[in-house]
């Protein structure tokens, strides 16, 4: 999503800390480094931003990491017991989105005054970077036919699966290919949505001195982005989420003992890391 600016201000990864404990301990540095790609903060803004990040990380470790751990344990149990359904997978996705929205709701009151204090040059820095990223996406996908898009999706999902299972069999590759082939096309609607989100984000920045409008609009863009999506787009996304869940169920049923052991080991390590991070205060 084009919301990357605020996403990196809040958290550079979705399941933050899910790679390694070391990554989490250096998350404040990672966020600072990412923010520098978008805007040069002045001294006063930097001091306030540092306070926001410090406050956020304490809250996130105490309140949010246990939620991530519990969701992973629930998903693991559903997979092991073969009780996962496309509908339950949809619930998992909804839970994941709720993690994002809680982050936004927590940090927005402290973050918005900093953004509202941007001068015109800083606003232009942000907008130039966002437009650059948008153009890069257009360039990446423009001209690709459906076969090329399917091939790209296959490679991406196979790589992700390999990280969790150690290898990917031909049967599993076929399951992935079938799923990506049957997925409903949403690329044009996704790019259109990104463009509209960015347009409204730009308008909010340009009207940042109008406190009530700025706060309301920025909060809406961060916590209710689906309002900008057409009903057709939302329906297709929901159906594709359902199809993705069906693919995961099919893949789960083909795991070898070795793949299952690799998956369980990786998941256990991740859950343990989240637990230790939560308790290490």
C-alpha atoms as a PDB file:
ATOM      1  CA  UNK A   1       0.000   0.000   0.000  1.00  0.00           C
ATOM      2  CA  UNK A   2       1.010   3.563  -0.538  1.00  0.00           C
ATOM      3  CA  UNK A   3       0.745   4.037   3.212  1.00  0.00           C
ATOM      4  CA  UNK A   4       4.388   3.033   3.497  1.00  0.00           C
ATOM      5  CA  UNK A   5       5.435   6.367   4.934  1.00  0.00           C
ATOM      6  CA  UNK A   6       3.356   5.967   8.061  1.00  0.00           C
ATOM      7  CA  UNK A   7       3.867   2.239   8.113  1.00  0.00           C
ATOM      8  CA  UNK A   8       7.607   2.661   8.514  1.00  0.00           C
ATOM      9  CA  UNK A   9       7.057   5.405  11.042  1.00  0.00           C
ATOM     10  CA  UNK A  10       5.080   2.930  13.093  1.00  0.00           C
ATOM     11  CA  UNK A  11       6.683  -0.378  12.346  1.00  0.00           C
ATOM     12  CA  UNK A  12       8.900  -1.590   9.519  1.00  0.00           C
ATOM     13  CA  UNK A  13       7.481  -5.118   9.440  1.00  0.00           C
ATOM     14  CA  UNK A  14       4.035  -6.586   9.956  1.00  0.00           C
ATOM     15  CA  UNK A  15       4.808  -9.231  12.540  1.00  0.00           C
ATOM     16  CA  UNK A  16       7.511  -7.025  13.918  1.00  0.00           C
ATOM     17  CA  UNK A  17      10.151  -9.093  15.674  1.00  0.00           C
ATOM     18  CA  UNK A  18       9.163 -12.216  13.812  1.00  0.00           C
ATOM     19  CA  UNK A  19      12.496 -12.636  12.047  1.00  0.00           C
ATOM     20  CA  UNK A  20      14.819 -12.701  15.066  1.00  0.00           C
ATOM     21  CA  UNK A  21      15.038 -11.169  18.484  1.00  0.00           C
ATOM     22  CA  UNK A  22      18.064  -9.199  17.331  1.00  0.00           C
ATOM     23  CA  UNK A  23      15.982  -7.546  14.603  1.00  0.00           C
ATOM     24  CA  UNK A  24      13.493  -6.386  17.191  1.00  0.00           C
ATOM     25  CA  UNK A  25      16.137  -4.913  19.444  1.00  0.00           C
ATOM     26  CA  UNK A  26      17.380  -2.805  16.524  1.00  0.00           C
ATOM     27  CA  UNK A  27      13.917  -1.882  15.280  1.00  0.00           C
ATOM     28  CA  UNK A  28      14.226   1.729  16.398  1.00  0.00           C
ATOM     29  CA  UNK A  29      17.313   2.098  14.199  1.00  0.00           C
ATOM     30  CA  UNK A  30      15.515   0.438  11.281  1.00  0.00           C
ATOM     31  CA  UNK A  31      12.575   2.816  11.568  1.00  0.00           C
ATOM     32  CA  UNK A  32      14.879   5.836  11.745  1.00  0.00           C
ATOM     33  CA  UNK A  33      16.748   4.640   8.668  1.00  0.00           C
ATOM     34  CA  UNK A  34      13.533   4.105   6.714  1.00  0.00           C
ATOM     35  CA  UNK A  35      12.095   7.479   7.672  1.00  0.00           C
ATOM     36  CA  UNK A  36      15.195   9.204   6.304  1.00  0.00           C
ATOM     37  CA  UNK A  37      14.196   7.956   2.844  1.00  0.00           C
ATOM     38  CA  UNK A  38      11.085  10.122   3.020  1.00  0.00           C
ATOM     39  CA  UNK A  39      11.876  13.244   4.975  1.00  0.00           C
ATOM     40  CA  UNK A  40      14.632  15.093   6.812  1.00  0.00           C
ATOM     41  CA  UNK A  41      13.313  15.903  10.278  1.00  0.00           C
ATOM     42  CA  UNK A  42      14.522  19.002  12.038  1.00  0.00           C
ATOM     43  CA  UNK A  43      15.948  18.790  15.546  1.00  0.00           C
ATOM     44  CA  UNK A  44      12.676  19.419  17.387  1.00  0.00           C
ATOM     45  CA  UNK A  45      10.765  16.966  15.192  1.00  0.00           C
ATOM     46  CA  UNK A  46      13.465  14.349  15.640  1.00  0.00           C
ATOM     47  CA  UNK A  47      13.335  14.639  19.432  1.00  0.00           C
ATOM     48  CA  UNK A  48       9.559  14.223  19.430  1.00  0.00           C
ATOM     49  CA  UNK A  49       9.740  11.368  16.947  1.00  0.00           C
ATOM     50  CA  UNK A  50      12.282   9.552  19.124  1.00  0.00           C
ATOM     51  CA  UNK A  51       9.860   9.838  22.042  1.00  0.00           C
ATOM     52  CA  UNK A  52       7.030   8.423  19.907  1.00  0.00           C
ATOM     53  CA  UNK A  53       9.136   5.422  18.869  1.00  0.00           C
ATOM     54  CA  UNK A  54      10.302   4.761  22.427  1.00  0.00           C
ATOM     55  CA  UNK A  55       6.730   4.917  23.721  1.00  0.00           C
ATOM     56  CA  UNK A  56       5.502   2.761  20.864  1.00  0.00           C
ATOM     57  CA  UNK A  57       8.096   0.015  21.321  1.00  0.00           C
ATOM     58  CA  UNK A  58       7.383  -0.336  25.045  1.00  0.00           C
ATOM     59  CA  UNK A  59       3.653  -0.622  24.368  1.00  0.00           C
ATOM     60  CA  UNK A  60       4.178  -2.954  21.433  1.00  0.00           C
ATOM     61  CA  UNK A  61       6.356  -5.346  23.389  1.00  0.00           C
ATOM     62  CA  UNK A  62       3.997  -5.455  26.366  1.00  0.00           C
ATOM     63  CA  UNK A  63       0.640  -5.478  24.600  1.00  0.00           C
ATOM     64  CA  UNK A  64       1.017  -6.626  21.010  1.00  0.00           C
ATOM     65  CA  UNK A  65       3.636  -9.381  20.919  1.00  0.00           C
ATOM     66  CA  UNK A  66       1.445 -11.731  22.998  1.00  0.00           C
ATOM     67  CA  UNK A  67      -1.352 -11.211  20.465  1.00  0.00           C
ATOM     68  CA  UNK A  68       0.944 -12.226  17.607  1.00  0.00           C
ATOM     69  CA  UNK A  69       2.113 -15.266  19.568  1.00  0.00           C
ATOM     70  CA  UNK A  70      -1.453 -16.334  20.349  1.00  0.00           C
ATOM     71  CA  UNK A  71      -2.537 -15.975  16.735  1.00  0.00           C
ATOM     72  CA  UNK A  72       0.405 -18.050  15.520  1.00  0.00           C
ATOM     73  CA  UNK A  73      -0.379 -20.752  18.069  1.00  0.00           C
ATOM     74  CA  UNK A  74      -4.017 -20.793  16.968  1.00  0.00           C
ATOM     75  CA  UNK A  75      -3.046 -21.061  13.309  1.00  0.00           C
ATOM     76  CA  UNK A  76      -0.564 -23.824  14.130  1.00  0.00           C
ATOM     77  CA  UNK A  77      -3.204 -25.810  16.022  1.00  0.00           C
ATOM     78  CA  UNK A  78      -5.677 -25.481  13.162  1.00  0.00           C
ATOM     79  CA  UNK A  79      -3.058 -26.688  10.696  1.00  0.00           C
ATOM     80  CA  UNK A  80      -1.971 -29.650  12.850  1.00  0.00           C
ATOM     81  CA  UNK A  81      -5.548 -30.719  13.561  1.00  0.00           C
ATOM     82  CA  UNK A  82      -6.599 -30.221   9.923  1.00  0.00           C
ATOM     83  CA  UNK A  83      -9.421 -27.962  11.082  1.00  0.00           C
ATOM     84  CA  UNK A  84      -8.355 -24.916   9.093  1.00  0.00           C
ATOM     85  CA  UNK A  85     -10.986 -23.850   6.571  1.00  0.00           C
ATOM     86  CA  UNK A  86     -11.053 -20.974   4.062  1.00  0.00           C
ATOM     87  CA  UNK A  87     -13.459 -19.204   6.407  1.00  0.00           C
ATOM     88  CA  UNK A  88     -11.097 -19.617   9.373  1.00  0.00           C
ATOM     89  CA  UNK A  89      -8.241 -18.373   7.202  1.00  0.00           C
ATOM     90  CA  UNK A  90     -10.324 -15.287   6.440  1.00  0.00           C
ATOM     91  CA  UNK A  91     -10.655 -14.773  10.184  1.00  0.00           C
ATOM     92  CA  UNK A  92      -6.880 -15.041  10.519  1.00  0.00           C
ATOM     93  CA  UNK A  93      -6.441 -12.321   7.901  1.00  0.00           C
ATOM     94  CA  UNK A  94      -8.977 -10.124   9.699  1.00  0.00           C
ATOM     95  CA  UNK A  95      -7.075 -10.624  12.953  1.00  0.00           C
ATOM     96  CA  UNK A  96      -3.835  -9.655  11.213  1.00  0.00           C
ATOM     97  CA  UNK A  97      -5.408  -6.439   9.937  1.00  0.00           C
ATOM     98  CA  UNK A  98      -6.604  -5.630  13.429  1.00  0.00           C
ATOM     99  CA  UNK A  99      -2.983  -5.717  14.609  1.00  0.00           C
ATOM    100  CA  UNK A 100      -2.177  -2.930  12.148  1.00  0.00           C
ATOM    101  CA  UNK A 101      -5.163  -0.846  13.135  1.00  0.00           C
ATOM    102  CA  UNK A 102      -4.322  -1.055  16.829  1.00  0.00           C
ATOM    103  CA  UNK A 103      -0.841   0.238  16.032  1.00  0.00           C
ATOM    104  CA  UNK A 104      -2.280   3.155  14.112  1.00  0.00           C
ATOM    105  CA  UNK A 105      -4.807   3.967  16.810  1.00  0.00           C
ATOM    106  CA  UNK A 106      -2.092   3.911  19.462  1.00  0.00           C
ATOM    107  CA  UNK A 107       0.501   6.052  17.747  1.00  0.00           C
ATOM    108  CA  UNK A 108      -1.529   8.460  15.604  1.00  0.00           C
ATOM    109  CA  UNK A 109      -2.298  11.004  18.377  1.00  0.00           C
ATOM    110  CA  UNK A 110       1.442  11.450  18.995  1.00  0.00           C
ATOM    111  CA  UNK A 111       2.545  11.173  15.390  1.00  0.00           C
ATOM    112  CA  UNK A 112       0.103  13.533  13.699  1.00  0.00           C
ATOM    113  CA  UNK A 113       1.398  16.723  15.381  1.00  0.00           C
ATOM    114  CA  UNK A 114       4.872  15.923  14.066  1.00  0.00           C
ATOM    115  CA  UNK A 115       3.598  15.477  10.515  1.00  0.00           C
ATOM    116  CA  UNK A 116       1.455  18.616  10.839  1.00  0.00           C
ATOM    117  CA  UNK A 117       4.633  20.536  11.688  1.00  0.00           C
ATOM    118  CA  UNK A 118       6.280  19.670   8.362  1.00  0.00           C
ATOM    119  CA  UNK A 119       7.241  22.695   6.296  1.00  0.00           C
ATOM    120  CA  UNK A 120       6.557  22.866   2.562  1.00  0.00           C
ATOM    121  CA  UNK A 121       9.969  21.447   1.635  1.00  0.00           C
ATOM    122  CA  UNK A 122       9.447  18.442   3.899  1.00  0.00           C
ATOM    123  CA  UNK A 123       6.011  17.786   2.434  1.00  0.00           C
ATOM    124  CA  UNK A 124       7.485  17.841  -1.041  1.00  0.00           C
ATOM    125  CA  UNK A 125      10.181  15.373   0.045  1.00  0.00           C
ATOM    126  CA  UNK A 126       7.479  12.966   1.176  1.00  0.00           C
ATOM    127  CA  UNK A 127       5.357  13.372  -1.943  1.00  0.00           C
ATOM    128  CA  UNK A 128       8.295  12.997  -4.316  1.00  0.00           C
ATOM    129  CA  UNK A 129       9.329   9.735  -2.656  1.00  0.00           C
ATOM    130  CA  UNK A 130       5.787   8.355  -2.683  1.00  0.00           C
ATOM    131  CA  UNK A 131       5.311   9.236  -6.350  1.00  0.00           C
ATOM    132  CA  UNK A 132       8.650   7.633  -7.158  1.00  0.00           C
ATOM    133  CA  UNK A 133       7.568   4.401  -5.488  1.00  0.00           C
ATOM    134  CA  UNK A 134       4.214   4.500  -7.238  1.00  0.00           C
ATOM    135  CA  UNK A 135       5.903   4.900 -10.608  1.00  0.00           C
ATOM    136  CA  UNK A 136       8.273   2.049  -9.832  1.00  0.00           C
ATOM    137  CA  UNK A 137       5.289  -0.210  -9.214  1.00  0.00           C
ATOM    138  CA  UNK A 138       3.630   0.868 -12.442  1.00  0.00           C
ATOM    139  CA  UNK A 139       6.861   0.237 -14.333  1.00  0.00           C
ATOM    140  CA  UNK A 140       7.228  -3.158 -12.689  1.00  0.00           C
ATOM    141  CA  UNK A 141       3.772  -4.385 -13.648  1.00  0.00           C
ATOM    142  CA  UNK A 142       2.989  -2.403 -16.812  1.00  0.00           C
ATOM    143  CA  UNK A 143       2.868  -4.554 -19.906  1.00  0.00           C
ATOM    144  CA  UNK A 144       2.917  -7.896 -18.079  1.00  0.00           C
ATOM    145  CA  UNK A 145       0.331 -10.349 -19.309  1.00  0.00           C
ATOM    146  CA  UNK A 146      -1.534 -12.801 -17.088  1.00  0.00           C
ATOM    147  CA  UNK A 147       0.977 -15.589 -17.684  1.00  0.00           C
ATOM    148  CA  UNK A 148       3.842 -13.400 -16.488  1.00  0.00           C
ATOM    149  CA  UNK A 149       1.913 -12.309 -13.415  1.00  0.00           C
ATOM    150  CA  UNK A 150       1.139 -15.928 -12.568  1.00  0.00           C
ATOM    151  CA  UNK A 151       4.800 -16.863 -12.988  1.00  0.00           C
ATOM    152  CA  UNK A 152       5.863 -14.059 -10.647  1.00  0.00           C
ATOM    153  CA  UNK A 153       3.292 -15.136  -8.052  1.00  0.00           C
ATOM    154  CA  UNK A 154       4.403 -18.749  -8.282  1.00  0.00           C
ATOM    155  CA  UNK A 155       8.024 -17.821  -7.619  1.00  0.00           C
ATOM    156  CA  UNK A 156       7.106 -15.577  -4.696  1.00  0.00           C
ATOM    157  CA  UNK A 157       4.877 -18.145  -2.969  1.00  0.00           C
ATOM    158  CA  UNK A 158       7.313 -21.012  -3.597  1.00  0.00           C
ATOM    159  CA  UNK A 159      10.099 -18.961  -2.018  1.00  0.00           C
ATOM    160  CA  UNK A 160       7.966 -18.222   1.037  1.00  0.00           C
ATOM    161  CA  UNK A 161       6.935 -21.850   1.385  1.00  0.00           C
ATOM    162  CA  UNK A 162      10.534 -23.021   1.090  1.00  0.00           C
ATOM    163  CA  UNK A 163      11.510 -20.771   4.000  1.00  0.00           C
ATOM    164  CA  UNK A 164       8.995 -22.614   6.172  1.00  0.00           C
ATOM    165  CA  UNK A 165       9.330 -26.177   4.888  1.00  0.00           C
ATOM    166  CA  UNK A 166      12.922 -26.427   3.632  1.00  0.00           C
ATOM    167  CA  UNK A 167      11.896 -27.532   0.149  1.00  0.00           C
ATOM    168  CA  UNK A 168       8.960 -27.524  -2.230  1.00  0.00           C
ATOM    169  CA  UNK A 169       7.811 -30.643  -4.085  1.00  0.00           C
ATOM    170  CA  UNK A 170       6.467 -30.752  -7.634  1.00  0.00           C
ATOM    171  CA  UNK A 171       3.029 -31.577  -6.259  1.00  0.00           C
ATOM    172  CA  UNK A 172       3.149 -28.466  -4.097  1.00  0.00           C
ATOM    173  CA  UNK A 173       4.334 -26.355  -7.020  1.00  0.00           C
ATOM    174  CA  UNK A 174       1.338 -27.580  -8.997  1.00  0.00           C
ATOM    175  CA  UNK A 175      -1.022 -26.645  -6.161  1.00  0.00           C
ATOM    176  CA  UNK A 176       0.482 -23.170  -6.061  1.00  0.00           C
ATOM    177  CA  UNK A 177       0.262 -22.783  -9.837  1.00  0.00           C
ATOM    178  CA  UNK A 178      -3.365 -23.835  -9.901  1.00  0.00           C
ATOM    179  CA  UNK A 179      -4.204 -21.354  -7.148  1.00  0.00           C
ATOM    180  CA  UNK A 180      -2.436 -18.417  -8.792  1.00  0.00           C
ATOM    181  CA  UNK A 181      -4.038 -19.264 -12.125  1.00  0.00           C
ATOM    182  CA  UNK A 182      -7.526 -19.260 -10.593  1.00  0.00           C
ATOM    183  CA  UNK A 183      -6.999 -16.055  -8.634  1.00  0.00           C
ATOM    184  CA  UNK A 184      -9.210 -13.176  -9.752  1.00  0.00           C
ATOM    185  CA  UNK A 185      -7.393 -10.327 -11.500  1.00  0.00           C
ATOM    186  CA  UNK A 186      -7.211  -7.217  -9.302  1.00  0.00           C
ATOM    187  CA  UNK A 187      -3.996  -5.517 -10.433  1.00  0.00           C
ATOM    188  CA  UNK A 188      -5.662  -2.590 -12.194  1.00  0.00           C
ATOM    189  CA  UNK A 189      -8.026  -2.013  -9.266  1.00  0.00           C
ATOM    190  CA  UNK A 190      -5.131  -2.234  -6.805  1.00  0.00           C
ATOM    191  CA  UNK A 191      -3.102   0.377  -8.706  1.00  0.00           C
ATOM    192  CA  UNK A 192      -6.188   2.598  -8.990  1.00  0.00           C
ATOM    193  CA  UNK A 193      -6.795   2.294  -5.245  1.00  0.00           C
ATOM    194  CA  UNK A 194      -3.154   3.140  -4.491  1.00  0.00           C
ATOM    195  CA  UNK A 195      -3.417   6.206  -6.730  1.00  0.00           C
ATOM    196  CA  UNK A 196      -6.578   7.436  -5.009  1.00  0.00           C
ATOM    197  CA  UNK A 197      -5.137   6.768  -1.537  1.00  0.00           C
ATOM    198  CA  UNK A 198      -2.029   8.737  -2.427  1.00  0.00           C
ATOM    199  CA  UNK A 199      -4.106  11.584  -3.880  1.00  0.00           C
ATOM    200  CA  UNK A 200      -6.092  11.930  -0.667  1.00  0.00           C
ATOM    201  CA  UNK A 201      -2.955  11.576   1.436  1.00  0.00           C
ATOM    202  CA  UNK A 202      -1.376  14.424  -0.525  1.00  0.00           C
ATOM    203  CA  UNK A 203      -4.445  16.594   0.000  1.00  0.00           C
ATOM    204  CA  UNK A 204      -4.322  15.903   3.735  1.00  0.00           C
ATOM    205  CA  UNK A 205      -0.666  16.926   3.889  1.00  0.00           C
ATOM    206  CA  UNK A 206      -1.335  20.111   1.961  1.00  0.00           C
ATOM    207  CA  UNK A 207      -4.130  20.978   4.399  1.00  0.00           C
ATOM    208  CA  UNK A 208      -2.175  19.960   7.509  1.00  0.00           C
ATOM    209  CA  UNK A 209      -2.797  23.361   9.140  1.00  0.00           C
ATOM    210  CA  UNK A 210      -6.537  22.562   9.287  1.00  0.00           C
ATOM    211  CA  UNK A 211      -6.287  20.521  12.465  1.00  0.00           C
ATOM    212  CA  UNK A 212      -9.710  18.862  12.511  1.00  0.00           C
ATOM    213  CA  UNK A 213      -9.703  17.981   8.807  1.00  0.00           C
ATOM    214  CA  UNK A 214      -6.111  16.770   8.899  1.00  0.00           C
ATOM    215  CA  UNK A 215      -6.647  14.534  11.926  1.00  0.00           C
ATOM    216  CA  UNK A 216      -9.914  13.084  10.637  1.00  0.00           C
ATOM    217  CA  UNK A 217      -8.645  12.445   7.133  1.00  0.00           C
ATOM    218  CA  UNK A 218      -5.320  10.933   8.168  1.00  0.00           C
ATOM    219  CA  UNK A 219      -7.024   8.668  10.696  1.00  0.00           C
ATOM    220  CA  UNK A 220      -9.497   7.515   8.045  1.00  0.00           C
ATOM    221  CA  UNK A 221      -6.746   6.803   5.541  1.00  0.00           C
ATOM    222  CA  UNK A 222      -4.829   4.753   8.102  1.00  0.00           C
ATOM    223  CA  UNK A 223      -7.623   2.859   9.838  1.00  0.00           C
ATOM    224  CA  UNK A 224     -10.382   2.584   7.225  1.00  0.00           C
ATOM    225  CA  UNK A 225      -8.610   2.246   3.855  1.00  0.00           C
ATOM    226  CA  UNK A 226     -11.265  -0.131   2.489  1.00  0.00           C
ATOM    227  CA  UNK A 227     -13.597   2.844   2.184  1.00  0.00           C
ATOM    228  CA  UNK A 228     -11.553   3.900  -0.844  1.00  0.00           C
ATOM    229  CA  UNK A 229     -11.948   0.529  -2.547  1.00  0.00           C
ATOM    230  CA  UNK A 230     -14.820  -0.201  -4.869  1.00  0.00           C
ATOM    231  CA  UNK A 231     -17.311  -2.860  -3.837  1.00  0.00           C
ATOM    232  CA  UNK A 232     -16.192  -4.996  -6.786  1.00  0.00           C
ATOM    233  CA  UNK A 233     -12.564  -4.740  -5.679  1.00  0.00           C
ATOM    234  CA  UNK A 234     -13.395  -5.642  -2.085  1.00  0.00           C
ATOM    235  CA  UNK A 235     -15.446  -8.630  -3.189  1.00  0.00           C
ATOM    236  CA  UNK A 236     -12.607  -9.877  -5.373  1.00  0.00           C
ATOM    237  CA  UNK A 237     -10.060  -9.441  -2.587  1.00  0.00           C
ATOM    238  CA  UNK A 238     -12.285 -11.431  -0.225  1.00  0.00           C
ATOM    239  CA  UNK A 239     -12.711 -14.182  -2.770  1.00  0.00           C
ATOM    240  CA  UNK A 240      -8.962 -14.302  -3.426  1.00  0.00           C
ATOM    241  CA  UNK A 241      -8.330 -14.515   0.318  1.00  0.00           C
ATOM    242  CA  UNK A 242     -10.718 -17.459   0.419  1.00  0.00           C
ATOM    243  CA  UNK A 243      -8.884 -19.085  -2.500  1.00  0.00           C
ATOM    244  CA  UNK A 244      -5.523 -18.512  -0.809  1.00  0.00           C
ATOM    245  CA  UNK A 245      -6.836 -20.259   2.298  1.00  0.00           C
ATOM    246  CA  UNK A 246      -7.885 -23.219   0.174  1.00  0.00           C
ATOM    247  CA  UNK A 247      -4.379 -23.362  -1.282  1.00  0.00           C
ATOM    248  CA  UNK A 248      -2.808 -23.357   2.199  1.00  0.00           C
ATOM    249  CA  UNK A 249      -5.082 -26.200   3.274  1.00  0.00           C
ATOM    250  CA  UNK A 250      -4.128 -28.219   0.201  1.00  0.00           C
ATOM    251  CA  UNK A 251      -0.418 -27.565   0.779  1.00  0.00           C
ATOM    252  CA  UNK A 252      -0.705 -28.522   4.442  1.00  0.00           C
ATOM    253  CA  UNK A 253      -2.119 -31.897   3.462  1.00  0.00           C
ATOM    254  CA  UNK A 254       0.919 -32.641   1.281  1.00  0.00           C
ATOM    255  CA  UNK A 255       3.641 -31.905   3.847  1.00  0.00           C
ATOM    256  CA  UNK A 256       6.129 -34.715   4.309  1.00  0.00           C
ATOM    257  CA  UNK A 257       7.310 -35.620   7.804  1.00  0.00           C
ATOM    258  CA  UNK A 258      10.529 -33.725   7.140  1.00  0.00           C
ATOM    259  CA  UNK A 259       8.673 -30.640   5.956  1.00  0.00           C
ATOM    260  CA  UNK A 260       6.357 -30.814   8.963  1.00  0.00           C
ATOM    261  CA  UNK A 261       9.321 -31.007  11.322  1.00  0.00           C
ATOM    262  CA  UNK A 262      10.964 -28.029   9.610  1.00  0.00           C
ATOM    263  CA  UNK A 263       7.734 -26.025   9.806  1.00  0.00           C
ATOM    264  CA  UNK A 264       7.065 -26.915  13.453  1.00  0.00           C
ATOM    265  CA  UNK A 265      10.644 -26.094  14.464  1.00  0.00           C
ATOM    266  CA  UNK A 266      10.560 -22.711  12.768  1.00  0.00           C
ATOM    267  CA  UNK A 267       7.170 -21.852  14.216  1.00  0.00           C
ATOM    268  CA  UNK A 268       8.187 -22.948  17.730  1.00  0.00           C
ATOM    269  CA  UNK A 269      11.302 -20.778  17.567  1.00  0.00           C
ATOM    270  CA  UNK A 270       9.215 -17.845  16.437  1.00  0.00           C
ATOM    271  CA  UNK A 271       6.660 -18.275  19.216  1.00  0.00           C
ATOM    272  CA  UNK A 272       9.473 -18.626  21.768  1.00  0.00           C
ATOM    273  CA  UNK A 273      11.125 -15.444  20.479  1.00  0.00           C
ATOM    274  CA  UNK A 274       7.886 -13.497  20.784  1.00  0.00           C
ATOM    275  CA  UNK A 275       7.368 -14.792  24.307  1.00  0.00           C
ATOM    276  CA  UNK A 276      10.905 -13.934  25.402  1.00  0.00           C
ATOM    277  CA  UNK A 277      10.687 -10.478  23.857  1.00  0.00           C
ATOM    278  CA  UNK A 278       7.448  -9.842  25.695  1.00  0.00           C
ATOM    279  CA  UNK A 279       8.908 -10.945  29.040  1.00  0.00           C
ATOM    280  CA  UNK A 280      12.264  -9.209  28.578  1.00  0.00           C
ATOM    281  CA  UNK A 281      11.365  -5.777  29.957  1.00  0.00           C
END
